[in-house]
């Protein structure tokens, strides 16, 4: 077993939750926590949703939001807790800690979670108490267990939905949360479930993806059939073994039809298969996608069926028609006279007070069914807004900052945590993503029929910002530039083009490595000038990039008045 597995054998990871109360009561320092529980405690604390920040004495804490759906009351509590407890201390700058967001902010993640920084261990019980009152949890926000279950943020609202899968999402999440039997898997276990035909929940890059399907079932009382013959039942098809980071893999389809009422058991059987057969030795290849790749989809399906206690008919008719991860803008709901509004949060970061304002606006302008929904592109929605209230909602101060009508680069910008807090990140990402997106909107004329340019920035190779599926993807590097004055070490990045999900899914090509950060915008200007001149009518940027040889793309980038290709990764 690898070291992490040894830590989990020493103490069941869920037991750390009780320990947090003791650490908080005694106000233990990081050094005292490690002295009491050993170095493995930092790993086990992830099951409480807690990551030790690089700034000793403070935690990042992740709140799970199944399907991204929050009541206004829940969203308000998250915002208020952020404003009260996730506050940068004076020794790290206080109100000046971050010049764009101040000292108390939250991050919406690509997995429909909420992350908060600067949490002290002594404040965690208060946060959990306030969460308990409204039905929120941080348990298993991290760690080798079932993570937050993804879904369509417009579940129950859009006409292109085959059926509303939010109840299934919540049932699966409830089953795995605090379930000791499935809280120690070989690695993180990511699931997505949707009834949306546009697969905005990204089934192709998750360990388990349930997508809408229908199947003709013979007459039975259970099916509600008539004596005249069978009828179509709606349920799911399953995709397994997708993921990003090193060794990215698109998921494989299984030949199985899963009834909604059987989804929990199916997901349990997949987790059981992973638990028994997954690698617990080599941490680098222990994600479930490696197991699926090793076994093959057919053998993996057999293993799941052997462990599943319900009947799994063969597959039916797939109802997914493409991929649409963007919900920004004002959209009519299928309920007459109601709308949902998607607000653009560049890189997912906003003030806790602003998020609380958005929650209160949902209560003020929405019906009693109003909600706040988190999206996988780090944006959020406010739902159930009557026609007559839309203009008033858009006049709110937070709505002007997080406009539902942004420029194309702002609309598609995604950024990971970056080296501000993350021990793995090489470069700063959040501030850079926001500044670059707005500068690119000002400097580049994107064709009028292109609403969004998906630009994703990860601070390292871990792919938290999902760069491989973006039009433009970056992953952080330190770059050595040779000049007349000697070697200069600067922040830079690998530069990728042409990724997407959907029917034409494909990971991007890493077209150029070790591009100095200051050279990226000039390089993009050259690329978009060529794109605007050469594109076919309606051709998306990622499609154009795929049609141009990588060598030609590099040549276009080199026309910029910047040292695009004059650096090498530091240490090479």
Protein backbone atom coordinates (compact mmCIF):
# COMPACT_ATOMS: atom_id res chain seq x y z
CA UNK A 1 0.00 0.00 0.00
CA UNK A 2 1.08 3.55 -0.65
CA UNK A 3 1.55 6.04 2.18
CA UNK A 4 -1.96 7.49 1.92
CA UNK A 5 -3.47 4.02 2.21
CA UNK A 6 -1.39 3.44 5.35
CA UNK A 7 -2.76 6.67 6.84
CA UNK A 8 -6.30 5.47 6.17
CA UNK A 9 -5.55 2.13 7.82
CA UNK A 10 -4.27 3.85 10.96
CA UNK A 11 -7.63 5.54 11.52
CA UNK A 12 -10.85 5.54 9.53
CA UNK A 13 -10.90 8.88 7.72
CA UNK A 14 -14.42 9.79 8.85
CA UNK A 15 -13.28 9.61 12.48
CA UNK A 16 -11.36 12.82 11.90
CA UNK A 17 -14.61 14.80 12.06
CA UNK A 18 -14.93 14.17 15.81
CA UNK A 19 -11.26 15.03 16.23
CA UNK A 20 -11.79 18.44 14.62
CA UNK A 21 -14.08 19.42 17.50
CA UNK A 22 -11.28 18.57 19.96
CA UNK A 23 -8.68 20.50 17.95
CA UNK A 24 -11.03 23.48 17.81
CA UNK A 25 -11.87 23.35 21.51
CA UNK A 26 -8.18 23.37 22.41
CA UNK A 27 -7.29 25.84 19.61
CA UNK A 28 -4.41 23.62 18.52
CA UNK A 29 -1.77 24.88 16.12
CA UNK A 30 -0.79 22.90 13.02
CA UNK A 31 2.32 21.71 14.84
CA UNK A 32 0.24 20.52 17.81
CA UNK A 33 -2.27 18.73 15.55
CA UNK A 34 0.54 16.82 13.85
CA UNK A 35 2.22 16.01 17.16
CA UNK A 36 -1.02 14.50 18.45
CA UNK A 37 -2.26 12.64 15.37
CA UNK A 38 0.78 12.23 13.11
CA UNK A 39 1.45 13.46 9.60
CA UNK A 40 -1.35 11.34 8.18
CA UNK A 41 -3.91 13.65 9.79
CA UNK A 42 -3.51 16.19 6.98
CA UNK A 43 -4.72 13.54 4.57
CA UNK A 44 -7.58 12.41 6.78
CA UNK A 45 -8.79 15.98 7.34
CA UNK A 46 -9.82 16.01 3.69
CA UNK A 47 -12.78 13.79 4.64
CA UNK A 48 -14.01 16.75 6.70
CA UNK A 49 -13.69 18.89 3.58
CA UNK A 50 -10.53 20.57 4.92
CA UNK A 51 -7.24 21.24 3.12
CA UNK A 52 -4.32 22.81 4.97
CA UNK A 53 -3.40 26.03 3.19
CA UNK A 54 0.20 26.85 2.39
CA UNK A 55 -0.22 29.63 4.97
CA UNK A 56 0.20 27.61 8.16
CA UNK A 57 -2.67 27.78 10.61
CA UNK A 58 -5.42 28.22 8.01
CA UNK A 59 -7.64 25.87 6.03
CA UNK A 60 -9.47 25.87 2.76
CA UNK A 61 -12.86 24.26 3.37
CA UNK A 62 -15.07 22.86 0.62
CA UNK A 63 -18.86 22.83 0.85
CA UNK A 64 -20.67 20.19 -1.19
CA UNK A 65 -23.74 21.28 -3.17
CA UNK A 66 -25.33 18.24 -4.91
CA UNK A 67 -26.35 19.23 -8.42
CA UNK A 68 -25.32 22.79 -7.56
CA UNK A 69 -28.77 23.51 -6.13
CA UNK A 70 -29.10 25.82 -3.11
CA UNK A 71 -32.10 27.36 -1.45
CA UNK A 72 -31.80 31.14 -1.01
CA UNK A 73 -31.45 30.51 2.73
CA UNK A 74 -28.54 28.10 2.19
CA UNK A 75 -26.80 30.48 -0.21
CA UNK A 76 -27.20 33.36 2.23
CA UNK A 77 -25.66 31.29 5.03
CA UNK A 78 -22.69 30.40 2.81
CA UNK A 79 -22.15 34.07 2.00
CA UNK A 80 -22.49 35.18 5.61
CA UNK A 81 -20.18 32.45 6.92
CA UNK A 82 -17.62 33.52 4.35
CA UNK A 83 -17.90 37.13 5.42
CA UNK A 84 -17.66 36.24 9.13
CA UNK A 85 -15.10 33.42 9.23
CA UNK A 86 -13.16 33.23 5.94
CA UNK A 87 -11.28 36.45 6.56
CA UNK A 88 -7.63 37.06 5.71
CA UNK A 89 -5.68 37.97 8.87
CA UNK A 90 -3.73 41.19 9.21
CA UNK A 91 -0.37 39.38 9.08
CA UNK A 92 -1.27 38.30 5.54
CA UNK A 93 -2.59 41.68 4.46
CA UNK A 94 -6.09 41.83 5.92
CA UNK A 95 -8.34 43.88 3.65
CA UNK A 96 -5.38 44.33 1.29
CA UNK A 97 -4.68 40.58 1.03
CA UNK A 98 -6.12 40.44 -2.46
CA UNK A 99 -6.44 43.65 -4.45
CA UNK A 100 -9.34 42.32 -6.54
CA UNK A 101 -11.47 40.58 -3.90
CA UNK A 102 -10.40 41.97 -0.53
CA UNK A 103 -10.22 39.70 2.51
CA UNK A 104 -13.43 37.58 2.56
CA UNK A 105 -14.38 35.75 -0.62
CA UNK A 106 -15.48 32.36 -1.90
CA UNK A 107 -14.78 30.31 -4.99
CA UNK A 108 -17.38 28.46 -7.08
CA UNK A 109 -15.66 25.37 -8.43
CA UNK A 110 -15.96 23.31 -11.60
CA UNK A 111 -17.62 20.63 -9.44
CA UNK A 112 -20.44 22.85 -8.16
CA UNK A 113 -18.79 23.19 -4.75
CA UNK A 114 -18.04 26.29 -2.72
CA UNK A 115 -14.50 26.80 -1.39
CA UNK A 116 -13.56 29.23 1.36
CA UNK A 117 -10.08 30.18 2.52
CA UNK A 118 -8.55 31.52 5.74
CA UNK A 119 -10.61 29.29 8.06
CA UNK A 120 -9.09 28.64 11.50
CA UNK A 121 -9.69 25.27 13.11
CA UNK A 122 -11.31 26.92 16.13
CA UNK A 123 -13.99 28.41 13.83
CA UNK A 124 -14.94 25.16 12.10
CA UNK A 125 -17.55 24.01 14.68
CA UNK A 126 -19.38 27.34 14.37
CA UNK A 127 -19.42 26.98 10.60
CA UNK A 128 -20.71 23.41 10.85
CA UNK A 129 -23.42 24.44 13.33
CA UNK A 130 -24.63 27.18 10.99
CA UNK A 131 -24.53 24.74 8.08
CA UNK A 132 -26.47 22.07 9.99
CA UNK A 133 -29.33 24.51 10.51
CA UNK A 134 -29.89 24.77 6.74
CA UNK A 135 -28.85 21.28 5.60
CA UNK A 136 -25.34 21.90 4.27
CA UNK A 137 -22.22 19.81 4.78
CA UNK A 138 -18.50 19.77 4.09
CA UNK A 139 -18.17 16.02 4.83
CA UNK A 140 -16.33 14.23 2.01
CA UNK A 141 -15.86 17.44 0.11
CA UNK A 142 -12.35 16.04 -0.40
CA UNK A 143 -10.58 12.71 0.15
CA UNK A 144 -10.71 9.25 -1.41
CA UNK A 145 -14.47 8.89 -1.42
CA UNK A 146 -17.54 10.00 -3.35
CA UNK A 147 -17.18 13.70 -4.06
CA UNK A 148 -19.97 16.16 -4.80
CA UNK A 149 -22.44 14.70 -7.32
CA UNK A 150 -22.76 16.92 -10.39
CA UNK A 151 -25.93 17.76 -12.29
CA UNK A 152 -27.46 20.24 -14.69
CA UNK A 153 -27.78 23.61 -12.90
CA UNK A 154 -31.05 24.19 -14.77
CA UNK A 155 -32.60 20.88 -13.69
CA UNK A 156 -36.39 21.14 -13.72
CA UNK A 157 -36.31 24.41 -15.67
CA UNK A 158 -35.26 23.88 -19.30
CA UNK A 159 -37.32 22.54 -22.23
CA UNK A 160 -34.34 20.53 -23.51
CA UNK A 161 -34.47 18.42 -20.35
CA UNK A 162 -35.77 14.85 -20.80
CA UNK A 163 -36.63 14.61 -17.11
CA UNK A 164 -35.57 16.24 -13.85
CA UNK A 165 -32.74 14.17 -12.31
CA UNK A 166 -32.18 16.37 -9.23
CA UNK A 167 -34.02 13.92 -6.90
CA UNK A 168 -31.71 11.12 -8.11
CA UNK A 169 -28.65 13.31 -7.51
CA UNK A 170 -29.76 13.97 -3.95
CA UNK A 171 -30.51 10.29 -3.30
CA UNK A 172 -27.06 9.20 -4.52
CA UNK A 173 -25.37 11.97 -2.54
CA UNK A 174 -27.27 11.03 0.61
CA UNK A 175 -26.27 7.37 0.22
CA UNK A 176 -22.54 8.02 0.02
CA UNK A 177 -22.21 10.91 2.48
CA UNK A 178 -20.94 9.60 5.86
CA UNK A 179 -21.24 6.02 4.58
CA UNK A 180 -18.25 4.35 6.22
CA UNK A 181 -18.36 1.34 3.89
CA UNK A 182 -17.64 3.52 0.85
CA UNK A 183 -15.63 6.30 2.43
CA UNK A 184 -12.28 4.59 1.80
CA UNK A 185 -11.87 4.07 -1.93
CA UNK A 186 -8.56 3.82 -3.79
CA UNK A 187 -8.92 7.44 -4.91
CA UNK A 188 -11.48 10.22 -5.34
CA UNK A 189 -14.75 9.03 -6.94
CA UNK A 190 -16.55 11.55 -9.13
CA UNK A 191 -20.13 11.10 -10.32
CA UNK A 192 -22.44 13.14 -12.50
CA UNK A 193 -26.14 12.55 -13.12
CA UNK A 194 -28.36 14.45 -15.50
CA UNK A 195 -31.64 14.26 -17.34
CA UNK A 196 -30.50 17.08 -19.63
CA UNK A 197 -30.02 16.32 -23.33
CA UNK A 198 -27.09 18.74 -23.48
CA UNK A 199 -24.87 16.90 -20.96
CA UNK A 200 -23.87 20.09 -19.19
CA UNK A 201 -22.87 17.90 -16.22
CA UNK A 202 -19.86 16.61 -18.20
CA UNK A 203 -20.39 12.84 -18.15
CA UNK A 204 -17.46 12.30 -20.52
CA UNK A 205 -14.84 13.32 -17.94
CA UNK A 206 -16.22 11.73 -14.77
CA UNK A 207 -15.71 8.34 -13.14
CA UNK A 208 -19.45 7.70 -13.46
CA UNK A 209 -21.79 9.63 -15.73
CA UNK A 210 -25.52 8.88 -15.89
CA UNK A 211 -27.15 10.49 -18.93
CA UNK A 212 -30.76 10.40 -20.15
CA UNK A 213 -32.05 7.47 -22.16
CA UNK A 214 -35.32 5.69 -22.85
CA UNK A 215 -36.08 2.03 -23.40
CA UNK A 216 -39.13 0.10 -24.47
CA UNK A 217 -40.06 -2.25 -21.67
CA UNK A 218 -42.59 -5.06 -21.94
CA UNK A 219 -45.92 -5.05 -20.12
CA UNK A 220 -45.63 -5.19 -16.35
CA UNK A 221 -47.35 -3.69 -13.38
CA UNK A 222 -44.06 -2.08 -12.41
CA UNK A 223 -43.75 -0.40 -15.79
CA UNK A 224 -47.36 0.74 -15.79
CA UNK A 225 -47.85 -0.84 -19.21
CA UNK A 226 -51.13 -1.60 -20.89
CA UNK A 227 -52.45 -4.84 -22.38
CA UNK A 228 -51.69 -3.46 -25.85
CA UNK A 229 -47.89 -3.79 -25.50
CA UNK A 230 -44.84 -2.19 -23.94
CA UNK A 231 -44.08 1.46 -23.35
CA UNK A 232 -41.03 3.66 -23.14
CA UNK A 233 -39.51 4.21 -19.74
CA UNK A 234 -37.09 7.05 -19.08
CA UNK A 235 -33.88 6.36 -17.23
CA UNK A 236 -30.13 6.52 -17.74
CA UNK A 237 -27.29 5.17 -19.78
CA UNK A 238 -23.96 4.92 -17.99
CA UNK A 239 -20.52 6.19 -18.92
CA UNK A 240 -17.53 5.21 -16.82
CA UNK A 241 -13.83 5.88 -16.54
CA UNK A 242 -13.52 9.49 -17.66
CA UNK A 243 -11.11 12.00 -16.18
CA UNK A 244 -8.47 14.66 -16.78
CA UNK A 245 -5.14 15.49 -15.08
CA UNK A 246 -2.21 13.34 -16.22
CA UNK A 247 -3.46 10.53 -18.43
CA UNK A 248 -6.77 12.12 -19.50
CA UNK A 249 -9.45 9.74 -20.76
CA UNK A 250 -12.92 10.13 -22.23
CA UNK A 251 -15.43 7.83 -20.55
CA UNK A 252 -16.63 4.51 -21.99
CA UNK A 253 -20.29 3.65 -22.48
CA UNK A 254 -21.74 0.57 -20.82
CA UNK A 255 -24.52 -1.46 -22.41
CA UNK A 256 -26.96 -0.95 -19.56
CA UNK A 257 -30.22 0.87 -18.89
CA UNK A 258 -30.63 2.16 -15.34
CA UNK A 259 -34.05 3.02 -14.00
CA UNK A 260 -34.04 6.19 -11.84
CA UNK A 261 -35.06 4.17 -8.79
CA UNK A 262 -32.05 1.87 -9.37
CA UNK A 263 -29.45 4.63 -9.75
CA UNK A 264 -28.28 4.49 -6.13
CA UNK A 265 -27.70 0.73 -6.32
CA UNK A 266 -25.92 1.02 -9.67
CA UNK A 267 -23.57 3.72 -8.34
CA UNK A 268 -22.97 1.60 -5.22
CA UNK A 269 -22.05 -1.39 -7.40
CA UNK A 270 -19.57 0.72 -9.40
CA UNK A 271 -18.04 2.01 -6.16
CA UNK A 272 -17.84 -1.58 -4.86
CA UNK A 273 -16.04 -2.64 -8.04
CA UNK A 274 -13.59 0.22 -7.70
CA UNK A 275 -13.13 -0.51 -3.99
CA UNK A 276 -12.25 -4.16 -4.61
CA UNK A 277 -10.26 -3.96 -7.85
CA UNK A 278 -8.74 -0.47 -7.85
CA UNK A 279 -4.99 0.05 -7.37
CA UNK A 280 -3.96 0.94 -3.80
CA UNK A 281 -0.24 0.72 -4.47
CA UNK A 282 0.75 3.27 -7.10
CA UNK A 283 -0.94 6.57 -6.23
CA UNK A 284 -0.21 7.86 -9.74
CA UNK A 285 -2.51 5.36 -11.46
CA UNK A 286 -5.19 4.63 -8.89
CA UNK A 287 -8.05 6.68 -10.38
CA UNK A 288 -10.92 4.57 -11.68
CA UNK A 289 -10.21 5.52 -15.30
CA UNK A 290 -7.01 3.45 -15.16
CA UNK A 291 -8.99 0.44 -13.93
CA UNK A 292 -11.53 0.80 -16.76
CA UNK A 293 -8.71 1.18 -19.29
CA UNK A 294 -6.92 -1.88 -17.91
CA UNK A 295 -10.00 -4.13 -17.79
CA UNK A 296 -11.80 -2.79 -20.84
CA UNK A 297 -15.38 -1.51 -20.72
CA UNK A 298 -16.99 -4.94 -21.27
CA UNK A 299 -15.10 -6.65 -18.45
CA UNK A 300 -15.70 -3.70 -16.16
CA UNK A 301 -19.42 -3.87 -16.93
CA UNK A 302 -19.41 -7.59 -16.08
CA UNK A 303 -17.76 -6.82 -12.74
CA UNK A 304 -20.39 -4.16 -11.97
CA UNK A 305 -23.26 -6.47 -12.92
CA UNK A 306 -21.80 -9.18 -10.64
CA UNK A 307 -22.00 -6.77 -7.72
CA UNK A 308 -25.33 -5.11 -8.52
CA UNK A 309 -28.48 -6.37 -6.76
CA UNK A 310 -30.97 -5.02 -9.32
CA UNK A 311 -31.65 -6.05 -12.88
CA UNK A 312 -29.82 -3.95 -15.47
CA UNK A 313 -31.43 -4.32 -18.90
CA UNK A 314 -29.27 -3.68 -21.94
CA UNK A 315 -29.10 -0.13 -23.24
CA UNK A 316 -31.97 1.68 -24.89
CA UNK A 317 -32.08 4.89 -26.91
CA UNK A 318 -29.52 7.54 -26.01
CA UNK A 319 -31.14 10.98 -25.60
CA UNK A 320 -28.02 13.15 -25.33
CA UNK A 321 -27.73 15.48 -28.34
CA UNK A 322 -24.56 17.44 -27.53
CA UNK A 323 -22.76 19.48 -24.91
CA UNK A 324 -23.73 22.90 -23.59
CA UNK A 325 -22.01 23.91 -20.38
CA UNK A 326 -23.01 27.57 -20.46
CA UNK A 327 -26.13 28.97 -18.75
CA UNK A 328 -25.14 32.65 -18.70
CA UNK A 329 -27.88 35.14 -19.62
CA UNK A 330 -31.64 35.50 -19.15
CA UNK A 331 -33.48 32.30 -20.09
CA UNK A 332 -37.18 31.46 -20.17
CA UNK A 333 -38.13 28.54 -17.97
CA UNK A 334 -40.57 25.90 -19.12
CA UNK A 335 -42.89 27.22 -16.41
CA UNK A 336 -44.92 30.06 -17.98
CA UNK A 337 -43.90 33.58 -17.04
CA UNK A 338 -40.73 32.54 -15.18
CA UNK A 339 -37.05 32.94 -15.98
CA UNK A 340 -33.67 31.93 -14.70
CA UNK A 341 -30.70 34.29 -14.94
CA UNK A 342 -27.14 33.04 -15.29
CA UNK A 343 -24.54 35.41 -13.83
CA UNK A 344 -20.93 35.42 -15.05
CA UNK A 345 -18.34 35.02 -12.27
CA UNK A 346 -14.93 35.16 -13.91
CA UNK A 347 -12.77 32.36 -12.43
CA UNK A 348 -15.58 31.63 -9.96
CA UNK A 349 -14.46 34.06 -7.25
CA UNK A 350 -16.73 36.63 -5.56
CA UNK A 351 -17.13 38.28 -2.20
CA UNK A 352 -19.05 36.51 0.53
CA UNK A 353 -21.16 39.63 0.96
CA UNK A 354 -21.95 39.62 -2.77
CA UNK A 355 -23.04 35.98 -2.69
CA UNK A 356 -25.31 36.75 0.28
CA UNK A 357 -26.73 39.70 -1.70
CA UNK A 358 -27.49 37.37 -4.60
CA UNK A 359 -29.28 34.99 -2.22
CA UNK A 360 -31.39 37.80 -0.78
CA UNK A 361 -32.19 38.96 -4.33
CA UNK A 362 -33.46 35.46 -5.13
CA UNK A 363 -35.86 35.74 -2.20
CA UNK A 364 -36.90 39.29 -3.10
CA UNK A 365 -37.52 38.86 -6.81
CA UNK A 366 -38.22 35.14 -7.14
CA UNK A 367 -41.21 33.00 -6.31
CA UNK A 368 -41.29 30.68 -3.30
CA UNK A 369 -39.53 28.10 -5.50
CA UNK A 370 -36.58 30.39 -6.21
CA UNK A 371 -33.10 28.90 -5.91
CA UNK A 372 -29.44 29.69 -6.43
CA UNK A 373 -27.68 27.16 -8.68
CA UNK A 374 -23.93 26.65 -9.16
CA UNK A 375 -22.67 25.71 -12.64
CA UNK A 376 -19.65 23.67 -13.73
CA UNK A 377 -18.23 26.74 -15.52
CA UNK A 378 -17.91 28.51 -12.13
CA UNK A 379 -20.96 30.72 -12.71
CA UNK A 380 -24.29 30.77 -10.86
CA UNK A 381 -27.99 31.01 -11.64
CA UNK A 382 -30.95 32.59 -9.86
CA UNK A 383 -34.18 30.82 -10.78
CA UNK A 384 -37.95 31.33 -10.80
CA UNK A 385 -37.89 35.05 -11.56
CA UNK A 386 -41.25 36.36 -12.89
CA UNK A 387 -41.08 38.35 -16.13
CA UNK A 388 -41.96 41.58 -14.37
CA UNK A 389 -39.07 41.22 -11.87
CA UNK A 390 -36.19 40.51 -14.27
CA UNK A 391 -35.21 44.16 -14.81
CA UNK A 392 -35.20 44.86 -11.07
CA UNK A 393 -32.96 41.85 -10.45
CA UNK A 394 -30.54 42.99 -13.15
CA UNK A 395 -30.36 46.44 -11.53
CA UNK A 396 -28.93 45.01 -8.29
CA UNK A 397 -25.29 46.01 -7.59
CA UNK A 398 -23.98 42.42 -7.68
CA UNK A 399 -25.66 41.91 -11.09
CA UNK A 400 -23.68 44.75 -12.60
CA UNK A 401 -20.38 43.24 -11.44
CA UNK A 402 -21.32 39.69 -12.48
CA UNK A 403 -23.08 40.62 -15.69
CA UNK A 404 -25.34 38.10 -17.44
CA UNK A 405 -24.21 39.70 -20.72
CA UNK A 406 -20.39 39.52 -20.63
CA UNK A 407 -17.83 39.53 -23.42
CA UNK A 408 -16.89 36.15 -24.92
CA UNK A 409 -13.60 35.72 -23.05
CA UNK A 410 -15.14 36.69 -19.70
CA UNK A 411 -18.03 34.33 -20.36
CA UNK A 412 -15.76 31.34 -20.94
CA UNK A 413 -13.02 32.03 -18.37
CA UNK A 414 -12.28 29.32 -15.79
CA UNK A 415 -9.42 29.40 -13.28
CA UNK A 416 -8.16 27.09 -10.54
CA UNK A 417 -7.03 28.22 -7.07
CA UNK A 418 -3.45 28.90 -8.19
CA UNK A 419 -0.33 29.44 -6.13
CA UNK A 420 -2.01 31.99 -3.89
CA UNK A 421 -3.15 29.09 -1.69
CA UNK A 422 -2.38 25.77 -3.41
CA UNK A 423 0.86 23.93 -2.65
CA UNK A 424 0.91 22.30 -6.10
CA UNK A 425 0.25 25.34 -8.30
CA UNK A 426 3.23 26.94 -10.00
CA UNK A 427 1.60 30.19 -11.13
CA UNK A 428 -1.02 32.68 -9.94
CA UNK A 429 -4.34 32.06 -11.72
CA UNK A 430 -7.42 33.78 -10.25
CA UNK A 431 -6.36 37.40 -10.67
CA UNK A 432 -4.64 36.65 -13.97
CA UNK A 433 -7.74 34.92 -15.39
CA UNK A 434 -10.00 37.84 -14.51
CA UNK A 435 -7.62 40.49 -15.81
CA UNK A 436 -6.81 38.61 -18.98
CA UNK A 437 -10.47 37.87 -19.77
CA UNK A 438 -11.43 41.53 -19.56
CA UNK A 439 -8.35 42.69 -21.44
CA UNK A 440 -8.98 40.17 -24.21
CA UNK A 441 -12.60 41.31 -24.49
CA UNK A 442 -11.29 44.84 -25.02
CA UNK A 443 -8.46 43.97 -27.42
CA UNK A 444 -9.85 41.19 -29.63
CA UNK A 445 -12.80 41.44 -31.99
CA UNK A 446 -14.41 38.01 -31.85
CA UNK A 447 -16.86 37.22 -34.70
CA UNK A 448 -20.38 38.32 -33.81
CA UNK A 449 -21.83 34.80 -33.88
CA UNK A 450 -19.42 33.54 -31.20
CA UNK A 451 -20.84 34.02 -27.71
CA UNK A 452 -18.12 32.35 -25.66
CA UNK A 453 -14.43 31.52 -25.90
CA UNK A 454 -13.62 28.88 -23.29
CA UNK A 455 -10.27 29.84 -21.76
CA UNK A 456 -9.25 27.61 -18.83
CA UNK A 457 -6.18 28.21 -16.67
CA UNK A 458 -4.69 25.60 -14.32
CA UNK A 459 -1.74 26.47 -12.13
CA UNK A 460 -0.16 23.02 -12.61
CA UNK A 461 -0.83 19.74 -14.44
CA UNK A 462 -3.60 18.62 -12.05
CA UNK A 463 -6.34 20.01 -14.33
CA UNK A 464 -8.56 21.53 -11.65
CA UNK A 465 -9.58 24.17 -14.23
CA UNK A 466 -10.19 21.47 -16.86
CA UNK A 467 -7.87 22.95 -19.52
CA UNK A 468 -7.98 19.85 -21.74
CA UNK A 469 -11.63 20.48 -22.73
CA UNK A 470 -11.26 24.21 -23.44
CA UNK A 471 -10.91 26.19 -26.65
CA UNK A 472 -7.73 27.57 -25.06
CA UNK A 473 -6.08 25.76 -22.15
CA UNK A 474 -3.15 26.73 -19.96
CA UNK A 475 -1.18 24.85 -17.31
CA UNK A 476 1.42 26.61 -15.22
CA UNK A 477 5.19 26.49 -15.68
CA UNK A 478 8.17 28.48 -14.57
CA UNK A 479 9.98 29.59 -17.71
CA UNK A 480 13.64 30.41 -18.22
CA UNK A 481 14.19 33.22 -20.71
CA UNK A 482 17.65 33.72 -22.12
CA UNK A 483 18.50 37.37 -22.77
CA UNK A 484 21.51 39.65 -22.95
CA UNK A 485 21.57 40.10 -19.19
CA UNK A 486 21.52 36.38 -18.45
CA UNK A 487 18.78 33.93 -17.59
CA UNK A 488 15.47 35.37 -16.40
CA UNK A 489 12.97 33.10 -14.59
CA UNK A 490 9.34 34.13 -15.13
CA UNK A 491 5.85 32.66 -14.76
CA UNK A 492 4.63 30.97 -17.90
CA UNK A 493 2.48 28.17 -19.17
CA UNK A 494 1.93 25.39 -21.63
CA UNK A 495 -0.48 26.59 -24.31
CA UNK A 496 -3.17 24.25 -25.67
CA UNK A 497 -5.82 24.67 -28.37
CA UNK A 498 -8.89 22.84 -29.66
CA UNK A 499 -10.57 20.97 -26.78
CA UNK A 500 -14.28 20.27 -26.34
CA UNK A 501 -16.87 17.87 -24.99
CA UNK A 502 -19.96 16.68 -26.82
CA UNK A 503 -20.47 14.74 -30.04
CA UNK A 504 -17.10 15.96 -31.36
CA UNK A 505 -15.35 15.55 -28.03
CA UNK A 506 -11.58 15.73 -28.12
CA UNK A 507 -8.85 16.81 -25.75
CA UNK A 508 -6.88 19.83 -26.89
CA UNK A 509 -3.37 19.63 -28.33
CA UNK A 510 -0.60 21.19 -26.28
CA UNK A 511 0.60 23.31 -29.18
CA UNK A 512 3.40 25.15 -27.40
CA UNK A 513 5.20 24.71 -24.08
CA UNK A 514 6.83 27.18 -21.72
CA UNK A 515 5.24 30.34 -23.12
CA UNK A 516 6.09 33.36 -20.93
CA UNK A 517 2.90 34.75 -19.38
CA UNK A 518 3.49 38.22 -20.87
CA UNK A 519 3.53 36.68 -24.36
CA UNK A 520 0.14 34.96 -24.16
CA UNK A 521 -2.16 37.88 -25.01
CA UNK A 522 -0.08 38.98 -28.03
CA UNK A 523 -0.08 35.36 -29.24
CA UNK A 524 -3.87 35.16 -28.86
CA UNK A 525 -4.28 38.37 -30.83
CA UNK A 526 -2.43 36.79 -33.74
CA UNK A 527 -4.46 33.59 -33.53
CA UNK A 528 -7.79 35.38 -33.50
CA UNK A 529 -6.80 37.63 -36.38
CA UNK A 530 -6.07 34.50 -38.43
CA UNK A 531 -9.24 32.79 -37.19
CA UNK A 532 -11.46 35.73 -38.15
CA UNK A 533 -9.96 35.82 -41.63
CA UNK A 534 -9.89 32.08 -42.35
CA UNK A 535 -12.92 30.58 -40.57
CA UNK A 536 -15.87 29.07 -42.33
CA UNK A 537 -19.28 30.51 -41.54
CA UNK A 538 -20.36 29.40 -38.05
CA UNK A 539 -17.05 27.68 -37.32
CA UNK A 540 -16.16 27.68 -33.63
CA UNK A 541 -12.65 28.57 -32.52
CA UNK A 542 -11.85 25.04 -31.32
CA UNK A 543 -13.02 23.64 -34.67
CA UNK A 544 -10.78 26.04 -36.59
CA UNK A 545 -7.79 25.14 -34.39
CA UNK A 546 -8.29 21.44 -35.14
CA UNK A 547 -8.28 22.15 -38.86
CA UNK A 548 -4.95 24.00 -38.76
CA UNK A 549 -1.67 22.13 -38.43
CA UNK A 550 0.00 22.64 -35.04
CA UNK A 551 3.14 23.86 -36.74
CA UNK A 552 1.09 26.51 -38.54
CA UNK A 553 -0.56 27.53 -35.26
CA UNK A 554 2.88 27.98 -33.74
CA UNK A 555 3.97 30.05 -36.71
CA UNK A 556 0.94 32.31 -36.31
CA UNK A 557 1.73 32.77 -32.61
CA UNK A 558 5.35 33.62 -33.40
CA UNK A 559 4.22 36.61 -35.45
CA UNK A 560 3.41 38.35 -32.17
CA UNK A 561 5.74 41.07 -30.95
CA UNK A 562 6.62 38.95 -27.92
CA UNK A 563 9.01 36.08 -27.05
CA UNK A 564 6.37 33.37 -27.50
CA UNK A 565 8.83 30.52 -28.13
CA UNK A 566 12.06 31.78 -26.63
CA UNK A 567 11.71 30.16 -23.23
CA UNK A 568 12.13 26.68 -21.83
CA UNK A 569 10.56 25.09 -18.78
CA UNK A 570 12.78 25.94 -15.83
CA UNK A 571 14.98 22.97 -14.97
CA UNK A 572 14.99 21.44 -18.49
